[in-house]
Amino acid sequence: MNNHYLLFLNILVIASIFTGCGQMNLQQKEITPLFVGEEAMVDQTKADHAKKIILSMDEVIEVRGVSNEENIYIAPSVKHFDRLHLNGIRSDGFARIKKRYPNAKVHVSTDKKIFMELEKLENELKEKRISKEDFTKRLKKLEEDMKG
């Protein structure tokens, strides 16, 4: 009876280890951002490059962003543990983008609502389902939301 219990316990421990390691690999898959580029009615190459800059940060797992004239709007999604350091992540991301685009007005937010709104804008730009006027209007609203 005691041997059966130990055998069962060993099998349970080994199964738990393999299950845990398998889930760890799922979390490590790389997510690539949506690069809109010049396909949209408003050129998004600045935003695409800014996304690459932000994604190079270890804390960032995903990023959304758009640009309009000299404005760049970026919303990174950070690892759960790193959410404790959001101010530092925003400052570092802002500094990195500003170094590459010193004349641009850079807006960085880690707010989930901003992230989702930028995701919608990216998709609408990619699919050309938004007018330039509506795009500009929504960016003004987004900028107000980022400030306050």
C-alpha atoms as a PDB file:
ATOM      1  CA  MET A   1       0.000   0.000   0.000  1.00  0.00           C
ATOM      2  CA  ASN A   2       2.787   2.419   0.923  1.00  0.00           C
ATOM      3  CA  ASN A   3       4.677   1.663  -2.339  1.00  0.00           C
ATOM      4  CA  HIS A   4       1.576   2.389  -4.418  1.00  0.00           C
ATOM      5  CA  TYR A   5       1.140   5.725  -2.636  1.00  0.00           C
ATOM      6  CA  LEU A   6       4.782   6.740  -3.327  1.00  0.00           C
ATOM      7  CA  LEU A   7       4.518   5.655  -6.969  1.00  0.00           C
ATOM      8  CA  PHE A   8       1.319   7.669  -7.403  1.00  0.00           C
ATOM      9  CA  LEU A   9       2.913  10.696  -5.733  1.00  0.00           C
ATOM     10  CA  ASN A  10       6.007  10.503  -7.993  1.00  0.00           C
ATOM     11  CA  ILE A  11       3.871  10.282 -11.123  1.00  0.00           C
ATOM     12  CA  LEU A  12       1.798  13.251  -9.952  1.00  0.00           C
ATOM     13  CA  VAL A  13       4.912  15.380  -9.334  1.00  0.00           C
ATOM     14  CA  ILE A  14       6.430  14.516 -12.720  1.00  0.00           C
ATOM     15  CA  ALA A  15       3.154  15.278 -14.524  1.00  0.00           C
ATOM     16  CA  SER A  16       2.928  18.639 -12.721  1.00  0.00           C
ATOM     17  CA  ILE A  17       6.457  19.576 -13.771  1.00  0.00           C
ATOM     18  CA  PHE A  18       5.826  18.778 -17.437  1.00  0.00           C
ATOM     19  CA  THR A  19       2.512  20.636 -17.433  1.00  0.00           C
ATOM     20  CA  GLY A  20       4.077  23.730 -15.848  1.00  0.00           C
ATOM     21  CA  CYS A  21       6.983  23.802 -18.286  1.00  0.00           C
ATOM     22  CA  GLY A  22       4.623  23.465 -21.238  1.00  0.00           C
ATOM     23  CA  GLN A  23       2.627  26.496 -20.131  1.00  0.00           C
ATOM     24  CA  MET A  24       5.807  28.498 -19.686  1.00  0.00           C
ATOM     25  CA  ASN A  25       6.681  28.021 -23.360  1.00  0.00           C
ATOM     26  CA  LEU A  26       3.246  29.324 -24.397  1.00  0.00           C
ATOM     27  CA  GLN A  27       3.862  32.588 -22.546  1.00  0.00           C
ATOM     28  CA  GLN A  28       7.213  33.146 -24.251  1.00  0.00           C
ATOM     29  CA  LYS A  29       5.952  33.198 -27.852  1.00  0.00           C
ATOM     30  CA  GLU A  30       6.779  36.431 -29.608  1.00  0.00           C
ATOM     31  CA  ILE A  31       4.046  38.881 -30.513  1.00  0.00           C
ATOM     32  CA  THR A  32       4.677  41.112 -33.496  1.00  0.00           C
ATOM     33  CA  PRO A  33       2.878  44.442 -33.700  1.00  0.00           C
ATOM     34  CA  LEU A  34       0.720  45.504 -36.608  1.00  0.00           C
ATOM     35  CA  PHE A  35       2.906  47.530 -38.950  1.00  0.00           C
ATOM     36  CA  VAL A  36       0.698  49.775 -41.067  1.00  0.00           C
ATOM     37  CA  GLY A  37       3.466  51.670 -42.886  1.00  0.00           C
ATOM     38  CA  GLU A  38       2.599  53.694 -45.974  1.00  0.00           C
ATOM     39  CA  GLU A  39      -0.481  51.592 -46.831  1.00  0.00           C
ATOM     40  CA  ALA A  40      -2.803  53.830 -44.819  1.00  0.00           C
ATOM     41  CA  MET A  41      -4.134  57.212 -45.881  1.00  0.00           C
ATOM     42  CA  VAL A  42      -1.845  58.740 -43.225  1.00  0.00           C
ATOM     43  CA  ASP A  43       1.770  57.509 -43.347  1.00  0.00           C
ATOM     44  CA  GLN A  44       2.519  55.375 -40.265  1.00  0.00           C
ATOM     45  CA  THR A  45       6.252  54.718 -40.711  1.00  0.00           C
ATOM     46  CA  LYS A  46       7.131  56.868 -37.664  1.00  0.00           C
ATOM     47  CA  ALA A  47       4.677  54.926 -35.510  1.00  0.00           C
ATOM     48  CA  ASP A  48       5.981  51.615 -36.857  1.00  0.00           C
ATOM     49  CA  HIS A  49       9.556  52.555 -36.026  1.00  0.00           C
ATOM     50  CA  ALA A  50       8.503  53.792 -32.574  1.00  0.00           C
ATOM     51  CA  LYS A  51       6.798  50.410 -31.975  1.00  0.00           C
ATOM     52  CA  LYS A  52      10.067  48.628 -32.766  1.00  0.00           C
ATOM     53  CA  ILE A  53      11.906  50.914 -30.333  1.00  0.00           C
ATOM     54  CA  ILE A  54       9.380  50.224 -27.550  1.00  0.00           C
ATOM     55  CA  LEU A  55       9.311  46.475 -28.240  1.00  0.00           C
ATOM     56  CA  SER A  56      13.081  46.353 -27.703  1.00  0.00           C
ATOM     57  CA  MET A  57      12.419  47.102 -24.014  1.00  0.00           C
ATOM     58  CA  ASP A  58      12.465  43.929 -21.870  1.00  0.00           C
ATOM     59  CA  GLU A  59       9.348  44.913 -19.903  1.00  0.00           C
ATOM     60  CA  VAL A  60       7.144  45.318 -22.982  1.00  0.00           C
ATOM     61  CA  ILE A  61       5.237  42.358 -24.409  1.00  0.00           C
ATOM     62  CA  GLU A  62       3.028  44.141 -26.956  1.00  0.00           C
ATOM     63  CA  VAL A  63       2.644  47.647 -28.350  1.00  0.00           C
ATOM     64  CA  ARG A  64       0.113  49.684 -30.315  1.00  0.00           C
ATOM     65  CA  GLY A  65       0.636  53.065 -31.901  1.00  0.00           C
ATOM     66  CA  VAL A  66      -0.205  55.548 -34.615  1.00  0.00           C
ATOM     67  CA  SER A  67       1.263  58.791 -35.871  1.00  0.00           C
ATOM     68  CA  ASN A  68      -0.129  61.930 -37.450  1.00  0.00           C
ATOM     69  CA  GLU A  69       2.104  64.723 -38.758  1.00  0.00           C
ATOM     70  CA  GLU A  70       4.582  65.333 -35.907  1.00  0.00           C
ATOM     71  CA  ASN A  71       2.593  63.450 -33.235  1.00  0.00           C
ATOM     72  CA  ILE A  72       3.386  59.878 -32.210  1.00  0.00           C
ATOM     73  CA  TYR A  73       0.935  58.008 -29.956  1.00  0.00           C
ATOM     74  CA  ILE A  74       2.238  54.790 -28.363  1.00  0.00           C
ATOM     75  CA  ALA A  75       0.671  52.394 -25.832  1.00  0.00           C
ATOM     76  CA  PRO A  76       2.857  49.514 -24.632  1.00  0.00           C
ATOM     77  CA  SER A  77       1.476  46.524 -22.772  1.00  0.00           C
ATOM     78  CA  VAL A  78       3.925  45.428 -20.080  1.00  0.00           C
ATOM     79  CA  LYS A  79       4.567  42.159 -18.256  1.00  0.00           C
ATOM     80  CA  HIS A  80       2.408  41.673 -15.191  1.00  0.00           C
ATOM     81  CA  PHE A  81       5.269  41.968 -12.687  1.00  0.00           C
ATOM     82  CA  ASP A  82       6.615  45.118 -14.362  1.00  0.00           C
ATOM     83  CA  ARG A  83       3.296  46.958 -13.900  1.00  0.00           C
ATOM     84  CA  LEU A  84       4.780  48.100 -10.577  1.00  0.00           C
ATOM     85  CA  HIS A  85       7.213  50.297 -12.538  1.00  0.00           C
ATOM     86  CA  LEU A  86       4.882  51.939 -15.073  1.00  0.00           C
ATOM     87  CA  ASN A  87       6.229  55.482 -14.586  1.00  0.00           C
ATOM     88  CA  GLY A  88       9.772  54.370 -15.318  1.00  0.00           C
ATOM     89  CA  ILE A  89       8.684  52.332 -18.337  1.00  0.00           C
ATOM     90  CA  ARG A  90       6.737  55.288 -19.774  1.00  0.00           C
ATOM     91  CA  SER A  91       9.669  57.661 -19.168  1.00  0.00           C
ATOM     92  CA  ASP A  92      12.180  55.277 -20.716  1.00  0.00           C
ATOM     93  CA  GLY A  93       9.949  54.661 -23.753  1.00  0.00           C
ATOM     94  CA  PHE A  94       9.346  58.384 -24.182  1.00  0.00           C
ATOM     95  CA  ALA A  95      13.100  59.115 -24.004  1.00  0.00           C
ATOM     96  CA  ARG A  96      13.955  56.404 -26.539  1.00  0.00           C
ATOM     97  CA  ILE A  97      11.387  57.638 -29.067  1.00  0.00           C
ATOM     98  CA  LYS A  98      12.294  61.297 -28.476  1.00  0.00           C
ATOM     99  CA  LYS A  99      15.965  60.450 -29.111  1.00  0.00           C
ATOM    100  CA  ARG A 100      15.018  59.027 -32.527  1.00  0.00           C
ATOM    101  CA  TYR A 101      12.432  61.732 -33.339  1.00  0.00           C
ATOM    102  CA  PRO A 102      13.522  64.900 -31.478  1.00  0.00           C
ATOM    103  CA  ASN A 103      11.027  67.170 -33.292  1.00  0.00           C
ATOM    104  CA  ALA A 104       8.028  64.916 -32.725  1.00  0.00           C
ATOM    105  CA  LYS A 105       5.456  65.349 -29.997  1.00  0.00           C
ATOM    106  CA  VAL A 106       5.514  61.927 -28.317  1.00  0.00           C
ATOM    107  CA  HIS A 107       2.614  60.553 -26.271  1.00  0.00           C
ATOM    108  CA  VAL A 108       3.189  57.326 -24.300  1.00  0.00           C
ATOM    109  CA  SER A 109       0.496  55.667 -22.181  1.00  0.00           C
ATOM    110  CA  THR A 110       0.294  52.298 -20.431  1.00  0.00           C
ATOM    111  CA  ASP A 111      -3.472  52.628 -19.945  1.00  0.00           C
ATOM    112  CA  LYS A 112      -5.406  49.592 -21.259  1.00  0.00           C
ATOM    113  CA  LYS A 113      -8.214  51.781 -22.642  1.00  0.00           C
ATOM    114  CA  ILE A 114      -5.693  53.784 -24.708  1.00  0.00           C
ATOM    115  CA  PHE A 115      -4.079  50.523 -25.843  1.00  0.00           C
ATOM    116  CA  MET A 116      -7.432  49.206 -27.107  1.00  0.00           C
ATOM    117  CA  GLU A 117      -8.323  52.490 -28.816  1.00  0.00           C
ATOM    118  CA  LEU A 118      -4.964  52.577 -30.615  1.00  0.00           C
ATOM    119  CA  GLU A 119      -5.507  48.968 -31.671  1.00  0.00           C
ATOM    120  CA  LYS A 120      -8.851  49.955 -33.244  1.00  0.00           C
ATOM    121  CA  LEU A 121      -7.248  52.927 -35.004  1.00  0.00           C
ATOM    122  CA  GLU A 122      -4.415  50.760 -36.350  1.00  0.00           C
ATOM    123  CA  ASN A 123      -6.872  48.258 -37.796  1.00  0.00           C
ATOM    124  CA  GLU A 124      -9.067  50.959 -39.313  1.00  0.00           C
ATOM    125  CA  LEU A 125      -6.021  52.606 -40.902  1.00  0.00           C
ATOM    126  CA  LYS A 126      -4.762  49.289 -42.243  1.00  0.00           C
ATOM    127  CA  GLU A 127      -8.153  48.454 -43.732  1.00  0.00           C
ATOM    128  CA  LYS A 128      -8.715  52.076 -44.893  1.00  0.00           C
ATOM    129  CA  ARG A 129     -12.039  52.306 -43.033  1.00  0.00           C
ATOM    130  CA  ILE A 130     -11.439  55.752 -41.511  1.00  0.00           C
ATOM    131  CA  SER A 131     -11.351  59.217 -43.034  1.00  0.00           C
ATOM    132  CA  LYS A 132      -8.482  61.601 -42.372  1.00  0.00           C
ATOM    133  CA  GLU A 133     -10.849  64.009 -40.583  1.00  0.00           C
ATOM    134  CA  ASP A 134     -12.257  61.300 -38.319  1.00  0.00           C
ATOM    135  CA  PHE A 135      -8.732  60.044 -37.640  1.00  0.00           C
ATOM    136  CA  THR A 136      -7.589  63.529 -36.580  1.00  0.00           C
ATOM    137  CA  LYS A 137     -10.678  64.012 -34.405  1.00  0.00           C
ATOM    138  CA  ARG A 138     -10.175  60.688 -32.623  1.00  0.00           C
ATOM    139  CA  LEU A 139      -6.493  61.461 -32.044  1.00  0.00           C
ATOM    140  CA  LYS A 140      -7.431  64.758 -30.357  1.00  0.00           C
ATOM    141  CA  LYS A 141      -9.817  62.852 -28.066  1.00  0.00           C
ATOM    142  CA  LEU A 142      -7.114  60.251 -27.414  1.00  0.00           C
ATOM    143  CA  GLU A 143      -4.592  62.962 -26.553  1.00  0.00           C
ATOM    144  CA  GLU A 144      -7.046  64.450 -24.026  1.00  0.00           C
ATOM    145  CA  ASP A 145      -7.553  60.995 -22.489  1.00  0.00           C
ATOM    146  CA  MET A 146      -3.779  60.497 -22.237  1.00  0.00           C
ATOM    147  CA  LYS A 147      -3.371  63.782 -20.366  1.00  0.00           C
ATOM    148  CA  GLY A 148      -6.025  63.340 -17.796  1.00  0.00           C
END
